[in-house]
Amino acid sequence: MTADGDSVTKHAPPYLHHPPICLNEQLTIAELVQRLERLHFDKNQESRIMVDPGVQAFLIRATKAAAADHLDQKVRHTWRLVRPLR
């Protein structure tokens, strides 16, 4: 509590309430998906993640493969083109 009665955590950045999700190349694909699904977003619809170089390389290659000829489109439009797994 502060002198004016406000809680310190009331104004704390969201990453103090929810630490960044850490993604490393030792995760299985299932674990990577689970961690991404558990992301907590703040009022600005933003979240924090930490990735190692192996995950960065995987995400770049997977994104380019999934997007194919749509690399100039916005993410919000292109993700709809990615077919779900059967």
Protein backbone atom coordinates (compact mmCIF):
# COMPACT_ATOMS: atom_id res chain seq x y z
CA MET A 1 0.00 0.00 0.00
CA THR A 2 1.06 3.56 -0.57
CA ALA A 3 0.36 6.68 1.47
CA ASP A 4 -2.72 7.54 -0.61
CA GLY A 5 -4.17 4.06 -0.16
CA ASP A 6 -3.54 2.73 -3.68
CA SER A 7 -2.02 -0.68 -3.99
CA VAL A 8 1.40 -0.80 -5.63
CA THR A 9 0.33 -3.76 -7.75
CA LYS A 10 -2.68 -1.83 -9.05
CA HIS A 11 -0.35 0.22 -11.25
CA ALA A 12 2.35 -2.35 -11.85
CA PRO A 13 3.18 -3.33 -15.45
CA PRO A 14 1.44 -6.54 -16.57
CA TYR A 15 4.69 -8.48 -16.84
CA LEU A 16 5.09 -8.18 -13.07
CA HIS A 17 1.78 -9.98 -12.60
CA HIS A 18 2.55 -12.51 -15.33
CA PRO A 19 6.23 -13.06 -16.08
CA PRO A 20 7.18 -13.48 -19.75
CA ILE A 21 6.67 -16.91 -21.26
CA CYS A 22 10.07 -18.42 -22.12
CA LEU A 23 10.36 -20.41 -25.33
CA ASN A 24 13.49 -22.43 -26.04
CA GLU A 25 14.51 -24.97 -28.64
CA GLN A 26 14.39 -27.82 -26.12
CA LEU A 27 10.56 -27.66 -26.01
CA THR A 28 8.48 -30.12 -27.96
CA ILE A 29 6.09 -28.62 -30.50
CA ALA A 30 3.19 -29.54 -28.19
CA GLU A 31 4.85 -27.66 -25.30
CA LEU A 32 5.49 -24.64 -27.54
CA VAL A 33 1.81 -24.56 -28.50
CA GLN A 34 0.70 -24.95 -24.87
CA ARG A 35 2.88 -22.07 -23.73
CA LEU A 36 1.64 -19.81 -26.52
CA GLU A 37 -1.95 -20.70 -25.66
CA ARG A 38 -1.35 -19.70 -22.01
CA LEU A 39 -0.13 -16.19 -22.79
CA HIS A 40 -1.67 -13.46 -20.64
CA PHE A 41 -2.52 -10.20 -22.39
CA ASP A 42 -2.72 -6.74 -20.85
CA LYS A 43 -5.37 -4.11 -21.52
CA ASN A 44 -3.57 -3.18 -24.76
CA GLN A 45 -3.82 -6.79 -25.96
CA GLU A 46 -0.04 -7.22 -25.60
CA SER A 47 2.00 -9.94 -23.94
CA ARG A 48 5.68 -10.67 -23.36
CA ILE A 49 7.61 -13.70 -24.52
CA MET A 50 11.29 -14.53 -24.47
CA VAL A 51 12.63 -16.68 -27.31
CA ASP A 52 16.03 -18.21 -27.88
CA PRO A 53 17.68 -18.25 -31.34
CA GLY A 54 16.45 -21.79 -32.06
CA VAL A 55 12.80 -20.84 -31.51
CA GLN A 56 13.28 -17.66 -33.53
CA ALA A 57 14.62 -19.67 -36.48
CA PHE A 58 11.75 -22.18 -36.18
CA LEU A 59 9.09 -19.47 -36.06
CA ILE A 60 10.60 -17.65 -39.06
CA ARG A 61 10.74 -20.83 -41.17
CA ALA A 62 7.29 -22.02 -40.08
CA THR A 63 5.77 -18.62 -40.78
CA LYS A 64 7.34 -18.37 -44.22
CA ALA A 65 6.21 -21.91 -45.05
CA ALA A 66 2.66 -21.26 -43.84
CA ALA A 67 2.37 -17.86 -45.50
CA ALA A 68 3.98 -18.96 -48.79
CA ASP A 69 3.21 -16.20 -51.29
CA HIS A 70 1.47 -13.95 -48.78
CA LEU A 71 4.51 -12.45 -47.03
CA ASP A 72 3.36 -8.88 -47.78
CA GLN A 73 -0.07 -9.35 -46.18
CA LYS A 74 -0.85 -8.39 -42.62
CA VAL A 75 -0.74 -11.21 -40.06
CA ARG A 76 -4.41 -10.76 -39.16
CA HIS A 77 -5.41 -11.54 -42.75
CA THR A 78 -2.88 -14.27 -43.49
CA TRP A 79 -3.47 -16.46 -40.41
CA ARG A 80 -6.94 -17.21 -41.75
CA LEU A 81 -5.35 -18.82 -44.81
CA VAL A 82 -3.45 -21.38 -42.72
CA ARG A 83 -5.35 -24.65 -42.79
CA PRO A 84 -5.97 -26.39 -39.46
CA LEU A 85 -4.44 -29.80 -38.88
CA ARG A 86 -6.58 -32.76 -39.87
